[in-house]
Amino acid sequence: MKLIAIETSTDICSIAYIQDGKCENIIEEKIPRQHAEKLPLFYNELVNQSKLKLPNIDAIAVSIGPGSFTGLRIGLSYAKGLAYSHKKSIIPVPTTQSLLHGFGKINNRIVVIILSHGNKYFVQNFEQTHGKIALDKIQVLELNGINDIKEIIVNSTIIKYGCDKLFENSSIENKVIQIIPSAKWIGELAHLNYNKWIIEKPYKLVPDYVSPFKIG
């Protein structure tokens, strides 16, 4: 199976070529507010380096959210452009689950926290019970400090991105692990969930913003 994977849900712009669940090539960079400009250039570079031919790709995987309002729109729009041009399917991959996949293991309880904007954060709990992973609904919480979610994170390992301010001078730093969003995690997780998540006709697919954004 051959996939192109796209991750633009944060300030990271990332695109990868995944073959049979393995990342063969990846181009990524931390470039806030430059995704629309850089993503097409990264794609062309990926194609040239990997000798890709879009007709031979099985599907396009993309980070579907939650995350940056603009970043998610850019990533999905580009994925749709690639998919429509050669009648390919799209595999939407939840951003929080991709970070969990990047961590690589579940030990009882894990909380994934991603900065939304200002002092608002996306928070999701994962728990392994009898070999199965249960996940709670994603919350959008306004947090001024780690004490605001002490009941949520108790006895948990914390995976974060973009939350340095939240954990400043925290006594739980040894339980906090930063995982950088990557198209590698998106593509690998899409491969594992291919049959369950694939959308053959993604015409009405929209980003999972989780909560409405106010513009203006």
C-alpha atoms as a PDB file:
ATOM      1  CA  MET A   1       0.000   0.000   0.000  1.00  0.00           C
ATOM      2  CA  LYS A   2       1.291   3.452  -0.928  1.00  0.00           C
ATOM      3  CA  LEU A   3       0.128   6.625   0.800  1.00  0.00           C
ATOM      4  CA  ILE A   4       0.904  10.309   0.738  1.00  0.00           C
ATOM      5  CA  ALA A   5       0.479  11.774   4.231  1.00  0.00           C
ATOM      6  CA  ILE A   6      -0.022  15.441   5.105  1.00  0.00           C
ATOM      7  CA  GLU A   7       0.221  17.145   8.507  1.00  0.00           C
ATOM      8  CA  THR A   8      -0.576  20.878   8.816  1.00  0.00           C
ATOM      9  CA  SER A   9      -2.622  21.026  12.020  1.00  0.00           C
ATOM     10  CA  THR A  10      -0.040  23.113  13.920  1.00  0.00           C
ATOM     11  CA  ASP A  11       2.961  25.288  13.015  1.00  0.00           C
ATOM     12  CA  ILE A  12       4.608  22.167  11.540  1.00  0.00           C
ATOM     13  CA  CYS A  13       4.231  21.636   7.787  1.00  0.00           C
ATOM     14  CA  SER A  14       4.943  18.000   6.947  1.00  0.00           C
ATOM     15  CA  ILE A  15       4.413  15.651   4.008  1.00  0.00           C
ATOM     16  CA  ALA A  16       5.544  12.032   3.710  1.00  0.00           C
ATOM     17  CA  TYR A  17       5.546   9.019   1.444  1.00  0.00           C
ATOM     18  CA  ILE A  18       4.427   5.872   3.269  1.00  0.00           C
ATOM     19  CA  GLN A  19       4.831   2.429   1.706  1.00  0.00           C
ATOM     20  CA  ASP A  20       3.418  -0.656   3.421  1.00  0.00           C
ATOM     21  CA  GLY A  21       3.234   1.202   6.737  1.00  0.00           C
ATOM     22  CA  LYS A  22       6.833   2.450   6.614  1.00  0.00           C
ATOM     23  CA  CYS A  23       7.873   6.058   6.086  1.00  0.00           C
ATOM     24  CA  GLU A  24      10.113   6.065   3.015  1.00  0.00           C
ATOM     25  CA  ASN A  25      10.615   9.811   2.770  1.00  0.00           C
ATOM     26  CA  ILE A  26       9.494  12.898   4.639  1.00  0.00           C
ATOM     27  CA  ILE A  27       9.865  16.658   4.272  1.00  0.00           C
ATOM     28  CA  GLU A  28       8.847  18.801   7.204  1.00  0.00           C
ATOM     29  CA  GLU A  29       9.637  22.110   8.815  1.00  0.00           C
ATOM     30  CA  LYS A  30       8.341  24.388  11.554  1.00  0.00           C
ATOM     31  CA  ILE A  31       6.993  27.304   9.509  1.00  0.00           C
ATOM     32  CA  PRO A  32       4.159  29.218  11.222  1.00  0.00           C
ATOM     33  CA  ARG A  33       1.692  30.830   8.780  1.00  0.00           C
ATOM     34  CA  GLN A  34       3.540  29.582   5.687  1.00  0.00           C
ATOM     35  CA  HIS A  35       1.706  26.307   5.019  1.00  0.00           C
ATOM     36  CA  ALA A  36      -0.151  27.502   1.922  1.00  0.00           C
ATOM     37  CA  GLU A  37       3.093  28.664   0.341  1.00  0.00           C
ATOM     38  CA  LYS A  38       5.328  25.787   1.385  1.00  0.00           C
ATOM     39  CA  LEU A  39       3.119  22.686   1.148  1.00  0.00           C
ATOM     40  CA  PRO A  40       3.056  22.593  -2.694  1.00  0.00           C
ATOM     41  CA  LEU A  41       6.840  23.064  -2.736  1.00  0.00           C
ATOM     42  CA  PHE A  42       7.284  20.256  -0.203  1.00  0.00           C
ATOM     43  CA  TYR A  43       5.050  18.014  -2.308  1.00  0.00           C
ATOM     44  CA  ASN A  44       7.092  18.647  -5.453  1.00  0.00           C
ATOM     45  CA  GLU A  45      10.288  17.953  -3.540  1.00  0.00           C
ATOM     46  CA  LEU A  46       8.833  14.724  -2.147  1.00  0.00           C
ATOM     47  CA  VAL A  47       7.770  13.594  -5.624  1.00  0.00           C
ATOM     48  CA  ASN A  48      11.202  14.321  -7.065  1.00  0.00           C
ATOM     49  CA  GLN A  49      13.111  12.644  -4.248  1.00  0.00           C
ATOM     50  CA  SER A  50      10.882   9.570  -4.052  1.00  0.00           C
ATOM     51  CA  LYS A  51      10.149   9.220  -7.791  1.00  0.00           C
ATOM     52  CA  LEU A  52       6.454   9.163  -6.937  1.00  0.00           C
ATOM     53  CA  LYS A  53       3.684   8.887  -9.485  1.00  0.00           C
ATOM     54  CA  LEU A  54       0.343  10.004  -8.092  1.00  0.00           C
ATOM     55  CA  PRO A  55      -1.677   7.473 -10.160  1.00  0.00           C
ATOM     56  CA  ASN A  56       0.163   4.703  -8.268  1.00  0.00           C
ATOM     57  CA  ILE A  57      -0.752   6.063  -4.829  1.00  0.00           C
ATOM     58  CA  ASP A  58      -3.596   4.237  -3.050  1.00  0.00           C
ATOM     59  CA  ALA A  59      -4.874   7.142  -0.947  1.00  0.00           C
ATOM     60  CA  ILE A  60      -4.067  10.492   0.648  1.00  0.00           C
ATOM     61  CA  ALA A  61      -3.869  10.618   4.462  1.00  0.00           C
ATOM     62  CA  VAL A  62      -4.315  13.958   6.200  1.00  0.00           C
ATOM     63  CA  SER A  63      -4.450  15.271   9.742  1.00  0.00           C
ATOM     64  CA  ILE A  64      -8.125  16.166  10.188  1.00  0.00           C
ATOM     65  CA  GLY A  65      -7.947  17.952  13.555  1.00  0.00           C
ATOM     66  CA  PRO A  66      -8.226  19.335  16.028  1.00  0.00           C
ATOM     67  CA  GLY A  67      -5.642  22.039  15.460  1.00  0.00           C
ATOM     68  CA  SER A  68      -5.049  25.344  13.735  1.00  0.00           C
ATOM     69  CA  PHE A  69      -8.163  26.578  11.892  1.00  0.00           C
ATOM     70  CA  THR A  70      -6.130  27.798   8.904  1.00  0.00           C
ATOM     71  CA  GLY A  71      -3.636  24.948   8.938  1.00  0.00           C
ATOM     72  CA  LEU A  72      -6.337  22.278   8.866  1.00  0.00           C
ATOM     73  CA  ARG A  73      -8.133  23.971   5.973  1.00  0.00           C
ATOM     74  CA  ILE A  74      -4.909  24.220   3.961  1.00  0.00           C
ATOM     75  CA  GLY A  75      -3.943  20.594   4.553  1.00  0.00           C
ATOM     76  CA  LEU A  76      -7.364  19.161   3.713  1.00  0.00           C
ATOM     77  CA  SER A  77      -7.784  21.426   0.678  1.00  0.00           C
ATOM     78  CA  TYR A  78      -4.453  20.266  -0.699  1.00  0.00           C
ATOM     79  CA  ALA A  79      -5.275  16.624   0.042  1.00  0.00           C
ATOM     80  CA  LYS A  80      -8.600  17.028  -1.776  1.00  0.00           C
ATOM     81  CA  GLY A  81      -6.830  18.583  -4.754  1.00  0.00           C
ATOM     82  CA  LEU A  82      -4.506  15.585  -5.031  1.00  0.00           C
ATOM     83  CA  ALA A  83      -7.365  13.139  -4.481  1.00  0.00           C
ATOM     84  CA  TYR A  84      -9.750  14.720  -6.987  1.00  0.00           C
ATOM     85  CA  SER A  85      -7.122  15.014  -9.699  1.00  0.00           C
ATOM     86  CA  HIS A  86      -6.661  11.228  -9.850  1.00  0.00           C
ATOM     87  CA  LYS A  87      -9.850   9.958  -8.173  1.00  0.00           C
ATOM     88  CA  LYS A  88      -8.112   8.905  -4.967  1.00  0.00           C
ATOM     89  CA  SER A  89      -9.623   8.331  -1.537  1.00  0.00           C
ATOM     90  CA  ILE A  90      -8.765  10.292   1.590  1.00  0.00           C
ATOM     91  CA  ILE A  91      -7.977   8.894   5.031  1.00  0.00           C
ATOM     92  CA  PRO A  92      -8.678  11.504   7.745  1.00  0.00           C
ATOM     93  CA  VAL A  93      -6.502  10.954  10.810  1.00  0.00           C
ATOM     94  CA  PRO A  94      -7.278  12.528  14.212  1.00  0.00           C
ATOM     95  CA  THR A  95      -4.415  14.768  15.321  1.00  0.00           C
ATOM     96  CA  THR A  96      -4.485  13.692  18.963  1.00  0.00           C
ATOM     97  CA  GLN A  97      -4.375  10.015  18.030  1.00  0.00           C
ATOM     98  CA  SER A  98      -1.429  10.648  15.717  1.00  0.00           C
ATOM     99  CA  LEU A  99       0.557  12.145  18.619  1.00  0.00           C
ATOM    100  CA  LEU A 100      -0.347   9.130  20.730  1.00  0.00           C
ATOM    101  CA  HIS A 101       0.913   6.905  17.905  1.00  0.00           C
ATOM    102  CA  GLY A 102       4.131   8.929  17.794  1.00  0.00           C
ATOM    103  CA  PHE A 103       4.608   8.247  21.504  1.00  0.00           C
ATOM    104  CA  GLY A 104       4.439   4.567  20.640  1.00  0.00           C
ATOM    105  CA  LYS A 105       2.882   2.939  23.678  1.00  0.00           C
ATOM    106  CA  ILE A 106      -0.001   3.121  26.126  1.00  0.00           C
ATOM    107  CA  ASN A 107       0.672   2.725  29.823  1.00  0.00           C
ATOM    108  CA  ASN A 108      -2.673   2.874  31.613  1.00  0.00           C
ATOM    109  CA  ARG A 109      -3.759   6.547  31.288  1.00  0.00           C
ATOM    110  CA  ILE A 110      -2.420   9.119  28.820  1.00  0.00           C
ATOM    111  CA  VAL A 111      -3.617  12.694  28.308  1.00  0.00           C
ATOM    112  CA  VAL A 112      -2.869  14.455  25.002  1.00  0.00           C
ATOM    113  CA  ILE A 113      -2.811  18.265  25.148  1.00  0.00           C
ATOM    114  CA  ILE A 114      -2.400  20.557  22.128  1.00  0.00           C
ATOM    115  CA  LEU A 115      -2.423  24.349  22.176  1.00  0.00           C
ATOM    116  CA  SER A 116      -5.375  25.786  20.274  1.00  0.00           C
ATOM    117  CA  HIS A 117      -4.877  29.549  20.598  1.00  0.00           C
ATOM    118  CA  GLY A 118      -4.428  32.004  23.447  1.00  0.00           C
ATOM    119  CA  ASN A 119      -4.989  30.055  26.640  1.00  0.00           C
ATOM    120  CA  LYS A 120      -7.308  27.487  25.040  1.00  0.00           C
ATOM    121  CA  TYR A 121      -6.153  23.879  24.719  1.00  0.00           C
ATOM    122  CA  PHE A 122      -7.432  20.672  23.147  1.00  0.00           C
ATOM    123  CA  VAL A 123      -7.407  17.892  25.744  1.00  0.00           C
ATOM    124  CA  GLN A 124      -8.162  14.195  25.241  1.00  0.00           C
ATOM    125  CA  ASN A 125      -7.807  11.226  27.606  1.00  0.00           C
ATOM    126  CA  PHE A 126      -6.778   7.739  26.509  1.00  0.00           C
ATOM    127  CA  GLU A 127      -6.824   4.645  28.693  1.00  0.00           C
ATOM    128  CA  GLN A 128      -5.835   1.060  28.096  1.00  0.00           C
ATOM    129  CA  THR A 129      -8.134  -1.534  29.637  1.00  0.00           C
ATOM    130  CA  HIS A 130      -7.809  -5.256  28.996  1.00  0.00           C
ATOM    131  CA  GLY A 131      -5.655  -4.612  25.946  1.00  0.00           C
ATOM    132  CA  LYS A 132      -8.108  -2.172  24.373  1.00  0.00           C
ATOM    133  CA  ILE A 133      -7.699   1.592  24.093  1.00  0.00           C
ATOM    134  CA  ALA A 134     -10.620   3.741  25.209  1.00  0.00           C
ATOM    135  CA  LEU A 135     -10.716   7.422  24.361  1.00  0.00           C
ATOM    136  CA  ASP A 136     -12.779  10.236  25.796  1.00  0.00           C
ATOM    137  CA  LYS A 137     -14.333  13.040  23.782  1.00  0.00           C
ATOM    138  CA  ILE A 138     -11.916  15.879  22.962  1.00  0.00           C
ATOM    139  CA  GLN A 139     -12.416  18.895  25.210  1.00  0.00           C
ATOM    140  CA  VAL A 140     -11.524  22.532  24.555  1.00  0.00           C
ATOM    141  CA  LEU A 141     -10.448  24.002  27.890  1.00  0.00           C
ATOM    142  CA  GLU A 142      -9.394  27.488  28.915  1.00  0.00           C
ATOM    143  CA  LEU A 143      -6.361  26.968  31.136  1.00  0.00           C
ATOM    144  CA  ASN A 144      -4.209  29.438  33.030  1.00  0.00           C
ATOM    145  CA  GLY A 145      -2.035  26.817  34.656  1.00  0.00           C
ATOM    146  CA  ILE A 146      -1.627  23.108  35.139  1.00  0.00           C
ATOM    147  CA  ASN A 147      -3.621  23.219  38.385  1.00  0.00           C
ATOM    148  CA  ASP A 148      -6.734  23.921  36.285  1.00  0.00           C
ATOM    149  CA  ILE A 149      -6.686  20.298  35.059  1.00  0.00           C
ATOM    150  CA  LYS A 150      -5.111  18.498  37.997  1.00  0.00           C
ATOM    151  CA  GLU A 151      -8.101  16.142  38.267  1.00  0.00           C
ATOM    152  CA  ILE A 152      -7.735  15.186  34.598  1.00  0.00           C
ATOM    153  CA  ILE A 153      -3.989  14.528  34.595  1.00  0.00           C
ATOM    154  CA  VAL A 154      -3.667  12.751  37.921  1.00  0.00           C
ATOM    155  CA  ASN A 155      -1.882   9.377  37.554  1.00  0.00           C
ATOM    156  CA  SER A 156      -1.437  10.025  33.830  1.00  0.00           C
ATOM    157  CA  THR A 157       1.406  10.410  31.381  1.00  0.00           C
ATOM    158  CA  ILE A 158       1.023  13.649  29.433  1.00  0.00           C
ATOM    159  CA  ILE A 159       1.769  14.031  25.724  1.00  0.00           C
ATOM    160  CA  LYS A 160       1.852  17.628  24.577  1.00  0.00           C
ATOM    161  CA  TYR A 161       2.620  19.985  21.734  1.00  0.00           C
ATOM    162  CA  GLY A 162       2.729  23.777  21.844  1.00  0.00           C
ATOM    163  CA  CYS A 163       2.051  23.843  25.581  1.00  0.00           C
ATOM    164  CA  ASP A 164       5.358  25.005  27.036  1.00  0.00           C
ATOM    165  CA  LYS A 165       3.792  27.977  28.810  1.00  0.00           C
ATOM    166  CA  LEU A 166       1.200  25.748  30.471  1.00  0.00           C
ATOM    167  CA  PHE A 167       3.867  23.565  32.053  1.00  0.00           C
ATOM    168  CA  GLU A 168       6.322  26.283  33.084  1.00  0.00           C
ATOM    169  CA  ASN A 169       7.797  25.573  36.511  1.00  0.00           C
ATOM    170  CA  SER A 170       5.526  22.563  36.889  1.00  0.00           C
ATOM    171  CA  SER A 171       6.398  19.851  39.385  1.00  0.00           C
ATOM    172  CA  ILE A 172       5.181  17.162  36.963  1.00  0.00           C
ATOM    173  CA  GLU A 173       7.702  17.870  34.170  1.00  0.00           C
ATOM    174  CA  ASN A 174       9.050  14.319  34.396  1.00  0.00           C
ATOM    175  CA  LYS A 175       5.625  13.015  33.306  1.00  0.00           C
ATOM    176  CA  VAL A 176       5.348  15.366  30.319  1.00  0.00           C
ATOM    177  CA  ILE A 177       6.541  14.250  26.882  1.00  0.00           C
ATOM    178  CA  GLN A 178       6.585  16.482  23.810  1.00  0.00           C
ATOM    179  CA  ILE A 179       5.672  14.748  20.543  1.00  0.00           C
ATOM    180  CA  ILE A 180       6.109  16.855  17.415  1.00  0.00           C
ATOM    181  CA  PRO A 181       3.265  16.477  14.878  1.00  0.00           C
ATOM    182  CA  SER A 182       4.493  14.675  11.773  1.00  0.00           C
ATOM    183  CA  ALA A 183       3.182  13.261   8.510  1.00  0.00           C
ATOM    184  CA  LYS A 184       5.061  10.101   9.509  1.00  0.00           C
ATOM    185  CA  TRP A 185       2.610   9.496  12.374  1.00  0.00           C
ATOM    186  CA  ILE A 186      -0.336  10.422  10.136  1.00  0.00           C
ATOM    187  CA  GLY A 187       0.710   7.979   7.399  1.00  0.00           C
ATOM    188  CA  GLU A 188       1.550   5.094   9.696  1.00  0.00           C
ATOM    189  CA  LEU A 189      -1.734   5.425  11.586  1.00  0.00           C
ATOM    190  CA  ALA A 190      -3.657   5.720   8.307  1.00  0.00           C
ATOM    191  CA  HIS A 191      -2.055   2.473   7.155  1.00  0.00           C
ATOM    192  CA  LEU A 192      -3.087   0.703  10.366  1.00  0.00           C
ATOM    193  CA  ASN A 193      -6.692   1.959  10.101  1.00  0.00           C
ATOM    194  CA  TYR A 194      -7.011   1.969   6.323  1.00  0.00           C
ATOM    195  CA  ASN A 195     -10.214  -0.071   6.024  1.00  0.00           C
ATOM    196  CA  LYS A 196     -11.898   1.623   8.981  1.00  0.00           C
ATOM    197  CA  TRP A 197     -11.141   5.260   8.196  1.00  0.00           C
ATOM    198  CA  ILE A 198     -10.928   5.488   4.399  1.00  0.00           C
ATOM    199  CA  ILE A 199     -13.435   7.760   2.636  1.00  0.00           C
ATOM    200  CA  GLU A 200     -13.902   6.802  -0.973  1.00  0.00           C
ATOM    201  CA  LYS A 201     -15.767   9.970  -1.967  1.00  0.00           C
ATOM    202  CA  PRO A 202     -14.478  12.737   0.332  1.00  0.00           C
ATOM    203  CA  TYR A 203     -16.429  15.555  -1.321  1.00  0.00           C
ATOM    204  CA  LYS A 204     -18.066  16.760   1.905  1.00  0.00           C
ATOM    205  CA  LEU A 205     -15.171  16.022   4.254  1.00  0.00           C
ATOM    206  CA  VAL A 206     -14.370  18.971   6.535  1.00  0.00           C
ATOM    207  CA  PRO A 207     -11.749  19.499   9.249  1.00  0.00           C
ATOM    208  CA  ASP A 208     -12.623  18.480  12.792  1.00  0.00           C
ATOM    209  CA  TYR A 209     -12.322  21.879  14.431  1.00  0.00           C
ATOM    210  CA  VAL A 210     -13.938  20.455  17.632  1.00  0.00           C
ATOM    211  CA  SER A 211     -15.167  23.916  18.605  1.00  0.00           C
ATOM    212  CA  PRO A 212     -16.296  26.876  16.492  1.00  0.00           C
ATOM    213  CA  PHE A 213     -13.789  29.637  15.788  1.00  0.00           C
ATOM    214  CA  LYS A 214     -14.766  33.281  15.828  1.00  0.00           C
ATOM    215  CA  ILE A 215     -13.307  35.173  12.880  1.00  0.00           C
ATOM    216  CA  GLY A 216     -12.834  38.916  12.963  1.00  0.00           C
END
